[in-house]
Amino acid sequence: MSQVPTIQAAALWGGLLILQLFALSGVVVNRRRKHMVEFGDGGERDLICATRAFANAAEYIPAGMCGLILLAFLGAPALLIHAVGGTLFVGRVIHALGLLFQKGPSLGRSIGMILTWLALLVAAVSLIAWSIL
């Protein structure tokens, strides 16, 4: 069985996740300009939220991308890689929107984290299974 479709699947989600980090970074830069804050968050609530949205994505996306790449190298089905990558991507988008546009605890943040954890858990269990089978 060829690994090309699995590597392409991992590459697709890796590229989309990197673009998400790029977009969230742009939100931080725009809000820093808006509030004329050179470094940090200046105590501005919307800048704090933008910074956390980027930082949270930067904390979870690398682990997810590593999982996707390793699954591809192990020859896991492309469908599994798409399921994990899609769930991670959607979870990260929903979480970021919850942080950027909702005040306080939000349904978006909760759903986003549940989807993120689900994607990482499936990736972890799949990696373990594929490594011993």
Protein backbone atom coordinates (compact mmCIF):
# COMPACT_ATOMS: atom_id res chain seq x y z
CA MET A 1 0.00 0.00 0.00
CA SER A 2 1.31 3.43 -0.93
CA GLN A 3 1.87 6.02 1.76
CA VAL A 4 1.41 8.95 -0.62
CA PRO A 5 -2.32 9.49 0.17
CA THR A 6 -1.60 9.38 3.90
CA ILE A 7 1.29 11.81 3.63
CA GLN A 8 -0.84 14.09 1.46
CA ALA A 9 -3.62 13.94 4.06
CA ALA A 10 -1.19 14.88 6.83
CA ALA A 11 0.26 17.64 4.63
CA LEU A 12 -3.21 19.06 3.95
CA TRP A 13 -4.11 19.38 7.63
CA GLY A 14 -0.60 20.51 8.55
CA GLY A 15 -0.82 23.32 6.00
CA LEU A 16 -4.27 24.38 7.19
CA LEU A 17 -3.16 24.35 10.83
CA ILE A 18 -0.10 26.46 10.00
CA LEU A 19 -2.35 28.94 8.18
CA GLN A 20 -4.51 29.09 11.28
CA LEU A 21 -1.48 30.04 13.38
CA PHE A 22 -0.59 32.67 10.79
CA ALA A 23 -4.14 34.12 10.88
CA LEU A 24 -4.21 34.22 14.69
CA SER A 25 -0.82 35.92 14.69
CA GLY A 26 -2.27 38.55 12.36
CA VAL A 27 -5.16 39.15 14.78
CA VAL A 28 -2.63 39.80 17.57
CA VAL A 29 -0.66 42.23 15.40
CA ASN A 30 -3.81 44.09 14.34
CA ARG A 31 -5.02 44.43 17.92
CA ARG A 32 -1.59 45.62 19.08
CA ARG A 33 -1.70 48.31 16.39
CA LYS A 34 -5.27 49.23 17.33
CA HIS A 35 -4.27 49.77 20.98
CA MET A 36 -0.76 51.05 20.16
CA VAL A 37 0.82 48.33 22.29
CA GLU A 38 4.38 47.56 21.26
CA PHE A 39 4.93 44.50 23.45
CA GLY A 40 2.66 42.30 25.53
CA ASP A 41 -1.03 43.01 25.89
CA GLY A 42 -1.10 46.44 27.56
CA GLY A 43 -3.92 45.20 29.79
CA GLU A 44 -6.35 45.45 26.85
CA ARG A 45 -8.95 42.70 27.15
CA ASP A 46 -9.38 42.06 23.42
CA LEU A 47 -5.59 41.93 22.98
CA ILE A 48 -5.28 39.52 25.92
CA CYS A 49 -7.89 37.28 24.27
CA ALA A 50 -6.13 37.45 20.89
CA THR A 51 -2.79 36.62 22.47
CA ARG A 52 -4.30 33.66 24.32
CA ALA A 53 -6.06 32.42 21.17
CA PHE A 54 -2.71 32.39 19.34
CA ALA A 55 -0.78 30.95 22.29
CA ASN A 56 -3.33 28.21 22.92
CA ALA A 57 -3.22 27.20 19.25
CA ALA A 58 0.59 27.26 19.35
CA GLU A 59 0.47 24.94 22.38
CA TYR A 60 -1.82 22.29 20.86
CA ILE A 61 -1.25 22.39 17.09
CA PRO A 62 2.38 21.12 17.11
CA ALA A 63 1.44 17.96 19.03
CA GLY A 64 -1.44 17.33 16.66
CA MET A 65 0.75 17.85 13.61
CA CYS A 66 3.35 15.45 14.99
CA GLY A 67 0.62 12.88 15.47
CA LEU A 68 -0.61 13.33 11.91
CA ILE A 69 2.89 12.99 10.45
CA LEU A 70 3.71 9.92 12.52
CA LEU A 71 0.42 8.27 11.56
CA ALA A 72 1.24 8.93 7.91
CA PHE A 73 4.70 7.41 8.28
CA LEU A 74 3.21 4.35 9.96
CA GLY A 75 0.82 3.88 7.05
CA ALA A 76 -2.41 4.59 8.92
CA PRO A 77 -5.42 4.97 6.63
CA ALA A 78 -5.85 8.37 5.01
CA LEU A 79 -9.41 8.44 6.36
CA LEU A 80 -8.09 8.28 9.93
CA ILE A 81 -5.62 11.08 9.23
CA HIS A 82 -8.38 13.21 7.71
CA ALA A 83 -10.64 12.51 10.69
CA VAL A 84 -7.96 13.48 13.22
CA GLY A 85 -6.76 16.48 11.20
CA GLY A 86 -10.27 17.75 10.49
CA THR A 87 -11.36 17.36 14.10
CA LEU A 88 -8.25 19.16 15.33
CA PHE A 89 -8.66 21.96 12.79
CA VAL A 90 -12.35 22.51 13.53
CA GLY A 91 -11.69 22.33 17.26
CA ARG A 92 -8.96 24.94 17.03
CA VAL A 93 -11.11 27.26 14.88
CA ILE A 94 -14.10 27.00 17.26
CA HIS A 95 -11.86 27.55 20.29
CA ALA A 96 -10.20 30.61 18.75
CA LEU A 97 -13.57 32.12 17.81
CA GLY A 98 -14.81 31.51 21.35
CA LEU A 99 -11.82 33.37 22.75
CA LEU A 100 -11.90 36.20 20.23
CA PHE A 101 -15.62 36.96 20.11
CA GLN A 102 -17.24 35.71 23.33
CA LYS A 103 -16.73 37.14 26.80
CA GLY A 104 -15.96 34.95 29.78
CA PRO A 105 -16.47 31.20 29.74
CA SER A 106 -17.91 30.29 26.36
CA LEU A 107 -19.48 27.36 24.61
CA GLY A 108 -17.04 27.88 21.72
CA ARG A 109 -14.04 27.46 23.96
CA SER A 110 -15.51 24.35 25.59
CA ILE A 111 -16.48 22.67 22.32
CA GLY A 112 -13.16 23.64 20.77
CA MET A 113 -11.18 22.06 23.58
CA ILE A 114 -13.28 18.90 23.58
CA LEU A 115 -12.68 18.48 19.83
CA THR A 116 -8.97 19.24 20.28
CA TRP A 117 -8.60 16.70 23.08
CA LEU A 118 -10.60 14.13 21.10
CA ALA A 119 -8.31 14.55 18.08
CA LEU A 120 -5.18 14.25 20.21
CA LEU A 121 -6.55 11.22 22.08
CA VAL A 122 -7.48 9.41 18.86
CA ALA A 123 -4.05 10.24 17.42
CA ALA A 124 -2.28 8.96 20.54
CA VAL A 125 -4.24 5.71 20.75
CA SER A 126 -3.86 5.15 17.00
CA LEU A 127 -0.11 5.73 17.17
CA ILE A 128 0.23 3.23 19.97
CA ALA A 129 -1.93 0.69 18.13
CA TRP A 130 -0.08 1.10 14.82
CA SER A 131 3.28 0.88 16.54
CA ILE A 132 2.59 -2.53 18.08
CA LEU A 133 0.50 -4.15 15.31
